[in-house]
Amino acid sequence: MLHGACWPRESEHMSSPMSDEIGPLGAGPTTGALATGRVIGLDLGTKRIGVALSDHDRTVASAFTVLVRSGSPADDRARIAGLVAETEANMVVVGLPLSLSGASGPAARSVEDEVEELRRAVAVPVELCDERFTTVIANRSLSAKGRKPAARRKVVDKMAAAAILQTWLDRQYALAGAIGGAAGSASQ
């Protein structure tokens, strides 16, 4: 797997570059147009859930909040569903903690299981995105800004969620450009 790769549900697939169908990865019609609307990014930790939010045009991800795990997975999913409704998000992207080799270990399988439950709890599509190095990137960024370790712990999860979501947003633009380029060259 490539660093920064993002995946739709296993049952979804990319449509033909010449089709007018909606692509699964957030692109609009496969002529290269991008979908709009807010997207929530999640970093699902064992103690905290980092939450990020995109702008309406899906170009910038911003750290939004940190949810402390309640001890009840159902309550945590309900809180996420509440955030989806409150922010009027039309997509959720969840970080998938793959190993450095790209293999799916226990942490990734745990997230995949939680995502299956989350898909039943929210009324919008939920996708996975490789989250390797996002917490490291967030910690380094906070450290460079002079944040002390105790202060970093309070915000690192939402910063990691923002890195996950930005990876997904950037991938959507790359895919839309590739699809748009294929459709444009086919019509000439």
N, C-alpha and C. Protein backbone atom coordinates (compact mmCIF):
# COMPACT_ATOMS: atom_id res chain seq x y z
N MET A 1 0.83 -1.18 0.00
CA MET A 1 0.00 0.00 0.00
C MET A 1 0.88 1.25 0.00
N LEU A 2 0.41 2.27 -0.62
CA LEU A 2 1.14 3.52 -0.67
C LEU A 2 0.80 4.39 0.53
N HIS A 3 1.78 5.11 1.03
CA HIS A 3 1.52 6.07 2.09
C HIS A 3 0.53 7.10 1.57
N GLY A 4 -0.46 7.41 2.36
CA GLY A 4 -1.43 8.41 1.96
C GLY A 4 -2.58 7.85 1.16
N ALA A 5 -2.63 6.54 0.99
CA ALA A 5 -3.72 5.95 0.22
C ALA A 5 -5.01 5.99 1.02
N CYS A 6 -6.10 6.15 0.31
CA CYS A 6 -7.42 6.19 0.93
C CYS A 6 -8.33 5.23 0.19
N TRP A 7 -9.26 4.63 0.93
CA TRP A 7 -10.10 3.62 0.34
C TRP A 7 -11.56 3.86 0.65
N PRO A 8 -12.43 3.60 -0.35
CA PRO A 8 -13.87 3.61 -0.08
C PRO A 8 -14.26 2.27 0.54
N ARG A 9 -15.54 2.04 0.72
CA ARG A 9 -16.00 0.73 1.17
C ARG A 9 -15.50 -0.31 0.20
N GLU A 10 -15.30 -1.51 0.70
CA GLU A 10 -14.81 -2.58 -0.16
C GLU A 10 -15.74 -2.85 -1.33
N SER A 11 -17.03 -2.59 -1.18
CA SER A 11 -17.99 -2.89 -2.23
C SER A 11 -18.02 -1.82 -3.32
N GLU A 12 -17.36 -0.68 -3.08
CA GLU A 12 -17.38 0.39 -4.06
C GLU A 12 -16.22 0.24 -5.02
N HIS A 13 -16.36 0.82 -6.18
CA HIS A 13 -15.30 0.76 -7.17
C HIS A 13 -15.29 2.03 -7.99
N MET A 14 -14.18 2.28 -8.64
CA MET A 14 -14.08 3.47 -9.48
C MET A 14 -14.88 3.25 -10.75
N SER A 15 -15.59 4.27 -11.17
CA SER A 15 -16.34 4.17 -12.41
C SER A 15 -15.43 4.52 -13.58
N SER A 16 -15.88 4.24 -14.76
CA SER A 16 -15.12 4.48 -15.97
C SER A 16 -14.83 5.97 -16.15
N PRO A 17 -13.65 6.33 -16.67
CA PRO A 17 -13.35 7.75 -16.89
C PRO A 17 -14.34 8.43 -17.83
N MET A 18 -15.04 7.69 -18.67
CA MET A 18 -15.97 8.29 -19.61
C MET A 18 -17.40 8.33 -19.07
N SER A 19 -17.62 7.79 -17.90
CA SER A 19 -18.95 7.69 -17.34
C SER A 19 -19.37 8.98 -16.65
N ASP A 20 -20.66 9.18 -16.48
CA ASP A 20 -21.15 10.32 -15.72
C ASP A 20 -21.54 9.91 -14.31
N GLU A 21 -21.19 8.69 -13.89
CA GLU A 21 -21.51 8.23 -12.55
C GLU A 21 -20.65 8.97 -11.53
N ILE A 22 -21.10 8.97 -10.30
CA ILE A 22 -20.33 9.57 -9.22
C ILE A 22 -19.26 8.58 -8.80
N GLY A 23 -18.03 9.04 -8.69
CA GLY A 23 -16.95 8.19 -8.22
C GLY A 23 -17.03 8.03 -6.71
N PRO A 24 -16.53 6.93 -6.15
CA PRO A 24 -16.68 6.65 -4.73
C PRO A 24 -15.78 7.47 -3.82
N LEU A 25 -14.75 8.09 -4.34
CA LEU A 25 -13.79 8.74 -3.49
C LEU A 25 -14.05 10.22 -3.30
N GLY A 26 -15.29 10.65 -3.51
CA GLY A 26 -15.63 12.03 -3.25
C GLY A 26 -15.60 12.89 -4.49
N ALA A 27 -15.15 12.33 -5.62
CA ALA A 27 -15.16 13.11 -6.86
C ALA A 27 -16.60 13.18 -7.34
N GLY A 28 -16.91 14.22 -8.05
CA GLY A 28 -18.23 14.35 -8.64
C GLY A 28 -18.30 13.47 -9.86
N PRO A 29 -19.06 13.88 -10.88
CA PRO A 29 -19.08 13.09 -12.10
C PRO A 29 -17.65 12.86 -12.55
N THR A 30 -17.37 11.72 -13.12
CA THR A 30 -16.00 11.33 -13.39
C THR A 30 -15.37 12.12 -14.52
N THR A 31 -15.89 13.28 -14.81
CA THR A 31 -15.24 14.19 -15.74
C THR A 31 -14.23 15.05 -15.01
N GLY A 32 -14.04 14.82 -13.72
CA GLY A 32 -13.04 15.54 -12.97
C GLY A 32 -13.61 16.55 -12.00
N ALA A 33 -14.93 16.74 -11.98
CA ALA A 33 -15.54 17.68 -11.05
C ALA A 33 -15.45 17.12 -9.64
N LEU A 34 -15.25 17.99 -8.67
CA LEU A 34 -15.15 17.56 -7.28
C LEU A 34 -16.46 17.80 -6.55
N ALA A 35 -16.76 16.90 -5.64
CA ALA A 35 -17.91 17.08 -4.77
C ALA A 35 -17.60 18.20 -3.79
N THR A 36 -18.63 18.80 -3.23
CA THR A 36 -18.45 19.82 -2.21
C THR A 36 -19.20 19.39 -0.96
N GLY A 37 -19.03 20.14 0.08
CA GLY A 37 -19.66 19.85 1.36
C GLY A 37 -18.61 19.47 2.38
N ARG A 38 -18.92 19.75 3.61
CA ARG A 38 -17.96 19.49 4.69
C ARG A 38 -17.71 17.99 4.87
N VAL A 39 -16.48 17.69 5.25
CA VAL A 39 -16.07 16.33 5.55
C VAL A 39 -15.48 16.32 6.95
N ILE A 40 -15.85 15.34 7.74
CA ILE A 40 -15.27 15.16 9.07
C ILE A 40 -14.16 14.11 8.97
N GLY A 41 -13.01 14.40 9.57
CA GLY A 41 -11.92 13.45 9.66
C GLY A 41 -11.79 12.98 11.10
N LEU A 42 -11.55 11.69 11.28
CA LEU A 42 -11.45 11.12 12.62
C LEU A 42 -10.14 10.36 12.80
N ASP A 43 -9.53 10.56 13.96
CA ASP A 43 -8.39 9.77 14.42
C ASP A 43 -8.90 9.00 15.62
N LEU A 44 -9.23 7.71 15.42
CA LEU A 44 -9.84 6.91 16.47
C LEU A 44 -8.77 6.32 17.39
N GLY A 45 -8.60 6.93 18.54
CA GLY A 45 -7.66 6.42 19.53
C GLY A 45 -8.40 5.61 20.59
N THR A 46 -7.66 4.96 21.45
CA THR A 46 -8.29 4.16 22.50
C THR A 46 -8.83 5.01 23.63
N LYS A 47 -8.24 6.21 23.85
CA LYS A 47 -8.69 7.09 24.92
C LYS A 47 -9.40 8.33 24.41
N ARG A 48 -9.02 8.77 23.20
CA ARG A 48 -9.58 9.99 22.63
C ARG A 48 -9.85 9.80 21.15
N ILE A 49 -10.76 10.61 20.63
CA ILE A 49 -11.06 10.64 19.20
C ILE A 49 -10.76 12.06 18.71
N GLY A 50 -9.77 12.18 17.84
CA GLY A 50 -9.47 13.48 17.25
C GLY A 50 -10.44 13.74 16.12
N VAL A 51 -10.94 14.97 16.05
CA VAL A 51 -11.91 15.33 15.01
C VAL A 51 -11.40 16.55 14.25
N ALA A 52 -11.46 16.46 12.93
CA ALA A 52 -11.10 17.57 12.05
C ALA A 52 -12.29 17.83 11.13
N LEU A 53 -12.31 19.01 10.53
CA LEU A 53 -13.42 19.40 9.67
C LEU A 53 -12.85 20.13 8.46
N SER A 54 -13.40 19.82 7.29
CA SER A 54 -12.97 20.52 6.08
C SER A 54 -13.85 21.75 5.86
N ASP A 55 -13.38 22.61 4.98
CA ASP A 55 -14.23 23.70 4.53
C ASP A 55 -15.23 23.14 3.52
N HIS A 56 -16.22 23.93 3.13
CA HIS A 56 -17.28 23.47 2.23
C HIS A 56 -16.73 23.04 0.87
N ASP A 57 -15.67 23.69 0.41
CA ASP A 57 -15.10 23.37 -0.90
C ASP A 57 -14.12 22.20 -0.86
N ARG A 58 -13.90 21.65 0.32
CA ARG A 58 -13.04 20.49 0.50
C ARG A 58 -11.59 20.75 0.07
N THR A 59 -11.07 21.90 0.47
CA THR A 59 -9.67 22.18 0.15
C THR A 59 -8.78 22.19 1.39
N VAL A 60 -9.32 22.57 2.54
CA VAL A 60 -8.52 22.72 3.75
C VAL A 60 -9.16 21.97 4.91
N ALA A 61 -8.33 21.22 5.62
CA ALA A 61 -8.76 20.52 6.83
C ALA A 61 -8.29 21.31 8.04
N SER A 62 -9.15 21.47 9.03
CA SER A 62 -8.80 22.17 10.27
C SER A 62 -9.10 21.29 11.47
N ALA A 63 -8.21 21.35 12.45
CA ALA A 63 -8.46 20.65 13.70
C ALA A 63 -9.74 21.21 14.30
N PHE A 64 -10.63 20.34 14.79
CA PHE A 64 -11.94 20.79 15.27
C PHE A 64 -12.12 20.57 16.76
N THR A 65 -12.01 19.33 17.22
CA THR A 65 -12.20 19.04 18.64
C THR A 65 -11.62 17.67 18.97
N VAL A 66 -11.58 17.38 20.25
CA VAL A 66 -11.18 16.06 20.74
C VAL A 66 -12.32 15.53 21.60
N LEU A 67 -12.76 14.32 21.30
CA LEU A 67 -13.77 13.65 22.12
C LEU A 67 -13.05 12.65 23.02
N VAL A 68 -13.29 12.75 24.31
CA VAL A 68 -12.74 11.76 25.24
C VAL A 68 -13.65 10.54 25.18
N ARG A 69 -13.06 9.37 25.02
CA ARG A 69 -13.85 8.13 24.95
C ARG A 69 -14.70 8.00 26.21
N SER A 70 -15.94 7.61 26.02
CA SER A 70 -16.89 7.53 27.13
C SER A 70 -16.88 6.18 27.83
N GLY A 71 -16.28 5.18 27.21
CA GLY A 71 -16.36 3.84 27.76
C GLY A 71 -17.46 3.03 27.09
N SER A 72 -18.32 3.70 26.34
CA SER A 72 -19.39 3.04 25.60
C SER A 72 -19.21 3.33 24.10
N PRO A 73 -18.81 2.33 23.32
CA PRO A 73 -18.66 2.56 21.88
C PRO A 73 -19.93 3.10 21.22
N ALA A 74 -21.09 2.65 21.67
CA ALA A 74 -22.35 3.15 21.09
C ALA A 74 -22.53 4.63 21.39
N ASP A 75 -22.20 5.05 22.61
CA ASP A 75 -22.29 6.48 22.95
C ASP A 75 -21.28 7.30 22.14
N ASP A 76 -20.09 6.76 21.94
CA ASP A 76 -19.08 7.46 21.13
C ASP A 76 -19.58 7.64 19.70
N ARG A 77 -20.17 6.58 19.13
CA ARG A 77 -20.72 6.69 17.77
C ARG A 77 -21.85 7.69 17.72
N ALA A 78 -22.67 7.75 18.75
CA ALA A 78 -23.77 8.72 18.79
C ALA A 78 -23.22 10.15 18.83
N ARG A 79 -22.14 10.36 19.56
CA ARG A 79 -21.53 11.69 19.61
C ARG A 79 -20.96 12.08 18.25
N ILE A 80 -20.36 11.11 17.55
CA ILE A 80 -19.85 11.37 16.20
C ILE A 80 -21.01 11.68 15.27
N ALA A 81 -22.09 10.91 15.35
CA ALA A 81 -23.27 11.18 14.52
C ALA A 81 -23.82 12.57 14.81
N GLY A 82 -23.77 12.99 16.07
CA GLY A 82 -24.21 14.34 16.43
C GLY A 82 -23.33 15.40 15.80
N LEU A 83 -22.02 15.17 15.75
CA LEU A 83 -21.11 16.11 15.10
C LEU A 83 -21.36 16.18 13.60
N VAL A 84 -21.65 15.03 12.99
CA VAL A 84 -21.96 15.00 11.56
C VAL A 84 -23.18 15.88 11.29
N ALA A 85 -24.22 15.74 12.11
CA ALA A 85 -25.43 16.55 11.93
C ALA A 85 -25.16 18.03 12.23
N GLU A 86 -24.47 18.29 13.33
CA GLU A 86 -24.19 19.67 13.74
C GLU A 86 -23.40 20.44 12.70
N THR A 87 -22.41 19.79 12.09
CA THR A 87 -21.55 20.46 11.12
C THR A 87 -22.07 20.34 9.69
N GLU A 88 -23.15 19.59 9.52
CA GLU A 88 -23.74 19.33 8.20
C GLU A 88 -22.74 18.68 7.26
N ALA A 89 -21.91 17.80 7.81
CA ALA A 89 -20.93 17.06 7.00
C ALA A 89 -21.66 16.04 6.14
N ASN A 90 -21.11 15.79 4.95
CA ASN A 90 -21.73 14.77 4.10
C ASN A 90 -20.77 13.63 3.78
N MET A 91 -19.72 13.52 4.60
CA MET A 91 -18.76 12.43 4.47
C MET A 91 -17.94 12.37 5.75
N VAL A 92 -17.52 11.16 6.12
CA VAL A 92 -16.60 10.96 7.25
C VAL A 92 -15.41 10.17 6.73
N VAL A 93 -14.21 10.61 7.09
CA VAL A 93 -12.98 9.93 6.73
C VAL A 93 -12.30 9.52 8.03
N VAL A 94 -11.95 8.24 8.13
CA VAL A 94 -11.35 7.70 9.36
C VAL A 94 -9.93 7.23 9.05
N GLY A 95 -8.99 7.59 9.90
CA GLY A 95 -7.61 7.15 9.74
C GLY A 95 -7.48 5.66 10.02
N LEU A 96 -6.75 4.98 9.15
CA LEU A 96 -6.48 3.55 9.30
C LEU A 96 -5.02 3.36 9.70
N PRO A 97 -4.77 2.87 10.92
CA PRO A 97 -3.39 2.76 11.43
C PRO A 97 -2.67 1.51 10.91
N LEU A 98 -2.20 1.57 9.67
CA LEU A 98 -1.45 0.46 9.10
C LEU A 98 -0.05 0.43 9.70
N SER A 99 0.59 -0.72 9.62
CA SER A 99 1.98 -0.81 10.07
C SER A 99 2.86 -0.10 9.05
N LEU A 100 4.12 0.12 9.38
CA LEU A 100 5.02 0.82 8.47
C LEU A 100 5.15 0.11 7.13
N SER A 101 4.99 -1.23 7.13
CA SER A 101 5.08 -2.00 5.89
C SER A 101 3.79 -1.91 5.06
N GLY A 102 2.75 -1.34 5.66
CA GLY A 102 1.46 -1.26 4.97
C GLY A 102 0.52 -2.40 5.34
N ALA A 103 0.99 -3.29 6.20
CA ALA A 103 0.17 -4.43 6.62
C ALA A 103 -0.89 -3.96 7.62
N SER A 104 -1.96 -4.72 7.67
CA SER A 104 -3.05 -4.44 8.59
C SER A 104 -2.87 -5.28 9.86
N GLY A 105 -2.48 -4.63 10.95
CA GLY A 105 -2.28 -5.33 12.21
C GLY A 105 -3.50 -5.21 13.11
N PRO A 106 -3.35 -5.54 14.39
CA PRO A 106 -4.47 -5.50 15.32
C PRO A 106 -5.14 -4.13 15.43
N ALA A 107 -4.34 -3.06 15.45
CA ALA A 107 -4.92 -1.72 15.57
C ALA A 107 -5.77 -1.39 14.34
N ALA A 108 -5.28 -1.74 13.16
CA ALA A 108 -6.04 -1.47 11.93
C ALA A 108 -7.33 -2.29 11.90
N ARG A 109 -7.25 -3.55 12.30
CA ARG A 109 -8.45 -4.39 12.32
C ARG A 109 -9.48 -3.85 13.31
N SER A 110 -9.01 -3.34 14.43
CA SER A 110 -9.91 -2.74 15.42
C SER A 110 -10.63 -1.53 14.83
N VAL A 111 -9.88 -0.68 14.12
CA VAL A 111 -10.49 0.50 13.48
C VAL A 111 -11.48 0.06 12.41
N GLU A 112 -11.11 -0.94 11.61
CA GLU A 112 -12.02 -1.42 10.57
C GLU A 112 -13.33 -1.92 11.17
N ASP A 113 -13.24 -2.63 12.29
CA ASP A 113 -14.45 -3.10 12.98
C ASP A 113 -15.28 -1.92 13.47
N GLU A 114 -14.62 -0.92 14.06
CA GLU A 114 -15.33 0.25 14.56
C GLU A 114 -15.97 1.03 13.41
N VAL A 115 -15.29 1.11 12.29
CA VAL A 115 -15.84 1.82 11.12
C VAL A 115 -17.10 1.12 10.61
N GLU A 116 -17.12 -0.19 10.62
CA GLU A 116 -18.33 -0.91 10.20
C GLU A 116 -19.52 -0.52 11.08
N GLU A 117 -19.30 -0.40 12.38
CA GLU A 117 -20.36 0.03 13.29
C GLU A 117 -20.71 1.50 13.06
N LEU A 118 -19.72 2.32 12.80
CA LEU A 118 -19.94 3.75 12.55
C LEU A 118 -20.79 3.94 11.30
N ARG A 119 -20.56 3.13 10.27
CA ARG A 119 -21.35 3.24 9.03
C ARG A 119 -22.83 3.03 9.30
N ARG A 120 -23.16 2.22 10.29
CA ARG A 120 -24.57 2.00 10.64
C ARG A 120 -25.13 3.15 11.48
N ALA A 121 -24.25 3.93 12.09
CA ALA A 121 -24.69 4.99 13.01
C ALA A 121 -24.82 6.36 12.36
N VAL A 122 -24.15 6.57 11.23
CA VAL A 122 -24.21 7.87 10.57
C VAL A 122 -24.90 7.72 9.22
N ALA A 123 -25.50 8.78 8.77
CA ALA A 123 -26.27 8.74 7.52
C ALA A 123 -25.46 9.23 6.32
N VAL A 124 -24.13 9.20 6.43
CA VAL A 124 -23.26 9.65 5.34
C VAL A 124 -22.22 8.57 5.08
N PRO A 125 -21.60 8.60 3.90
CA PRO A 125 -20.54 7.62 3.62
C PRO A 125 -19.36 7.78 4.58
N VAL A 126 -18.71 6.65 4.88
CA VAL A 126 -17.52 6.63 5.74
C VAL A 126 -16.41 5.93 4.96
N GLU A 127 -15.27 6.58 4.84
CA GLU A 127 -14.12 6.01 4.13
C GLU A 127 -12.93 5.92 5.06
N LEU A 128 -11.98 5.08 4.69
CA LEU A 128 -10.74 4.91 5.43
C LEU A 128 -9.60 5.60 4.68
N CYS A 129 -8.64 6.11 5.44
CA CYS A 129 -7.46 6.75 4.84
C CYS A 129 -6.23 6.39 5.67
N ASP A 130 -5.17 5.98 5.01
CA ASP A 130 -3.92 5.62 5.66
C ASP A 130 -3.48 6.75 6.59
N GLU A 131 -3.23 6.42 7.84
CA GLU A 131 -2.85 7.47 8.80
C GLU A 131 -1.41 7.33 9.29
N ARG A 132 -0.61 6.54 8.60
CA ARG A 132 0.78 6.39 9.05
C ARG A 132 1.45 7.75 9.16
N PHE A 133 2.13 7.96 10.25
CA PHE A 133 2.94 9.15 10.54
C PHE A 133 2.14 10.39 10.91
N THR A 134 0.82 10.36 10.91
CA THR A 134 0.06 11.59 11.17
C THR A 134 0.26 12.09 12.60
N THR A 135 0.32 11.20 13.58
CA THR A 135 0.53 11.65 14.95
C THR A 135 1.94 12.19 15.11
N VAL A 136 2.92 11.57 14.44
CA VAL A 136 4.30 12.06 14.48
C VAL A 136 4.35 13.46 13.87
N ILE A 137 3.70 13.63 12.72
CA ILE A 137 3.68 14.94 12.05
C ILE A 137 3.03 15.98 12.96
N ALA A 138 1.91 15.62 13.57
CA ALA A 138 1.20 16.55 14.45
C ALA A 138 2.06 16.93 15.65
N ASN A 139 2.72 15.95 16.27
CA ASN A 139 3.59 16.23 17.43
C ASN A 139 4.75 17.12 17.04
N ARG A 140 5.36 16.86 15.90
CA ARG A 140 6.49 17.69 15.46
C ARG A 140 6.05 19.12 15.18
N SER A 141 4.88 19.26 14.57
CA SER A 141 4.36 20.59 14.28
C SER A 141 4.10 21.36 15.58
N LEU A 142 3.49 20.69 16.54
CA LEU A 142 3.20 21.34 17.82
C LEU A 142 4.48 21.67 18.59
N SER A 143 5.46 20.77 18.51
CA SER A 143 6.73 21.00 19.17
C SER A 143 7.45 22.20 18.54
N ALA A 144 7.40 22.28 17.22
CA ALA A 144 8.04 23.40 16.52
C ALA A 144 7.39 24.73 16.89
N LYS A 145 6.13 24.69 17.28
CA LYS A 145 5.43 25.90 17.69
C LYS A 145 5.67 26.21 19.16
N GLY A 146 6.51 25.39 19.82
CA GLY A 146 6.86 25.65 21.21
C GLY A 146 5.89 25.10 22.23
N ARG A 147 4.97 24.24 21.82
CA ARG A 147 4.03 23.66 22.78
C ARG A 147 4.73 22.64 23.66
N LYS A 148 4.49 22.72 24.94
CA LYS A 148 5.05 21.77 25.91
C LYS A 148 4.31 20.43 25.76
N PRO A 149 4.96 19.32 26.16
CA PRO A 149 4.34 18.00 26.00
C PRO A 149 2.93 17.90 26.60
N ALA A 150 2.69 18.46 27.76
CA ALA A 150 1.36 18.39 28.37
C ALA A 150 0.33 19.11 27.52
N ALA A 151 0.70 20.25 26.95
CA ALA A 151 -0.21 21.01 26.09
C ALA A 151 -0.43 20.28 24.77
N ARG A 152 0.61 19.61 24.27
CA ARG A 152 0.48 18.86 23.01
C ARG A 152 -0.51 17.73 23.15
N ARG A 153 -0.49 17.02 24.29
CA ARG A 153 -1.39 15.88 24.49
C ARG A 153 -2.85 16.28 24.37
N LYS A 154 -3.17 17.52 24.70
CA LYS A 154 -4.56 17.98 24.65
C LYS A 154 -5.06 18.20 23.23
N VAL A 155 -4.15 18.44 22.29
CA VAL A 155 -4.57 18.79 20.94
C VAL A 155 -4.02 17.88 19.84
N VAL A 156 -3.08 16.99 20.17
CA VAL A 156 -2.43 16.19 19.13
C VAL A 156 -3.42 15.33 18.37
N ASP A 157 -4.45 14.84 19.02
CA ASP A 157 -5.41 13.96 18.34
C ASP A 157 -6.19 14.71 17.26
N LYS A 158 -6.61 15.94 17.55
CA LYS A 158 -7.33 16.68 16.51
C LYS A 158 -6.39 17.16 15.41
N MET A 159 -5.12 17.39 15.75
CA MET A 159 -4.15 17.75 14.72
C MET A 159 -3.86 16.54 13.82
N ALA A 160 -3.78 15.35 14.41
CA ALA A 160 -3.59 14.13 13.61
C ALA A 160 -4.82 13.91 12.71
N ALA A 161 -6.01 14.16 13.24
CA ALA A 161 -7.23 14.03 12.42
C ALA A 161 -7.19 15.00 11.25
N ALA A 162 -6.67 16.20 11.48
CA ALA A 162 -6.55 17.19 10.40
C ALA A 162 -5.56 16.70 9.34
N ALA A 163 -4.47 16.07 9.76
CA ALA A 163 -3.49 15.53 8.80
C ALA A 163 -4.11 14.40 7.98
N ILE A 164 -4.88 13.54 8.63
CA ILE A 164 -5.58 12.45 7.93
C ILE A 164 -6.53 13.03 6.90
N LEU A 165 -7.34 13.98 7.34
CA LEU A 165 -8.33 14.56 6.44
C LEU A 165 -7.67 15.32 5.30
N GLN A 166 -6.59 16.05 5.57
CA GLN A 166 -5.91 16.78 4.49
C GLN A 166 -5.34 15.81 3.47
N THR A 167 -4.82 14.67 3.92
CA THR A 167 -4.34 13.63 3.00
C THR A 167 -5.48 13.19 2.08
N TRP A 168 -6.65 12.95 2.67
CA TRP A 168 -7.81 12.51 1.88
C TRP A 168 -8.23 13.61 0.90
N LEU A 169 -8.30 14.86 1.35
CA LEU A 169 -8.70 15.96 0.48
C LEU A 169 -7.72 16.11 -0.69
N ASP A 170 -6.43 16.05 -0.40
CA ASP A 170 -5.43 16.18 -1.46
C ASP A 170 -5.56 15.05 -2.47
N ARG A 171 -5.86 13.87 -1.98
CA ARG A 171 -6.03 12.71 -2.88
C ARG A 171 -7.24 12.92 -3.79
N GLN A 172 -8.29 13.52 -3.28
CA GLN A 172 -9.48 13.77 -4.11
C GLN A 172 -9.14 14.70 -5.27
N TYR A 173 -8.35 15.74 -4.99
CA TYR A 173 -7.95 16.66 -6.05
C TYR A 173 -7.05 15.96 -7.07
N ALA A 174 -6.15 15.11 -6.59
CA ALA A 174 -5.27 14.38 -7.50
C ALA A 174 -6.09 13.43 -8.38
N LEU A 175 -7.05 12.74 -7.78
CA LEU A 175 -7.89 11.81 -8.55
C LEU A 175 -8.76 12.57 -9.55
N ALA A 176 -9.33 13.67 -9.14
CA ALA A 176 -10.18 14.45 -10.05
C ALA A 176 -9.36 14.95 -11.23
N GLY A 177 -8.13 15.37 -10.97
CA GLY A 177 -7.26 15.83 -12.05
C GLY A 177 -6.91 14.70 -13.00
N ALA A 178 -6.62 13.52 -12.45
CA ALA A 178 -6.28 12.37 -13.28
C ALA A 178 -7.49 11.94 -14.11
N ILE A 179 -8.65 11.91 -13.50
CA ILE A 179 -9.87 11.52 -14.21
C ILE A 179 -10.23 12.57 -15.25
N GLY A 180 -10.13 13.84 -14.87
CA GLY A 180 -10.43 14.92 -15.81
C GLY A 180 -9.49 14.91 -16.99
N GLY A 181 -8.22 14.61 -16.74
CA GLY A 181 -7.24 14.54 -17.81
C GLY A 181 -7.52 13.39 -18.75
N ALA A 182 -7.93 12.23 -18.20
CA ALA A 182 -8.26 11.08 -19.04
C ALA A 182 -9.50 11.34 -19.87
N ALA A 183 -10.50 11.98 -19.26
CA ALA A 183 -11.73 12.27 -19.99
C ALA A 183 -11.48 13.32 -21.05
N GLY A 184 -10.64 14.33 -20.73
CA GLY A 184 -10.34 15.40 -21.68
C GLY A 184 -9.57 14.89 -22.88
N SER A 185 -8.58 13.99 -22.66
CA SER A 185 -7.81 13.47 -23.77
C SER A 185 -8.60 12.50 -24.61
N ALA A 186 -9.58 11.82 -24.01
CA ALA A 186 -10.42 10.87 -24.76
C ALA A 186 -11.38 11.59 -25.68
N SER A 187 -11.75 12.84 -25.34
CA SER A 187 -12.72 13.56 -26.15
C SER A 187 -12.07 14.33 -27.29
N GLN A 188 -10.74 14.34 -27.35
CA GLN A 188 -10.06 15.10 -28.41
C GLN A 188 -9.83 14.26 -29.64
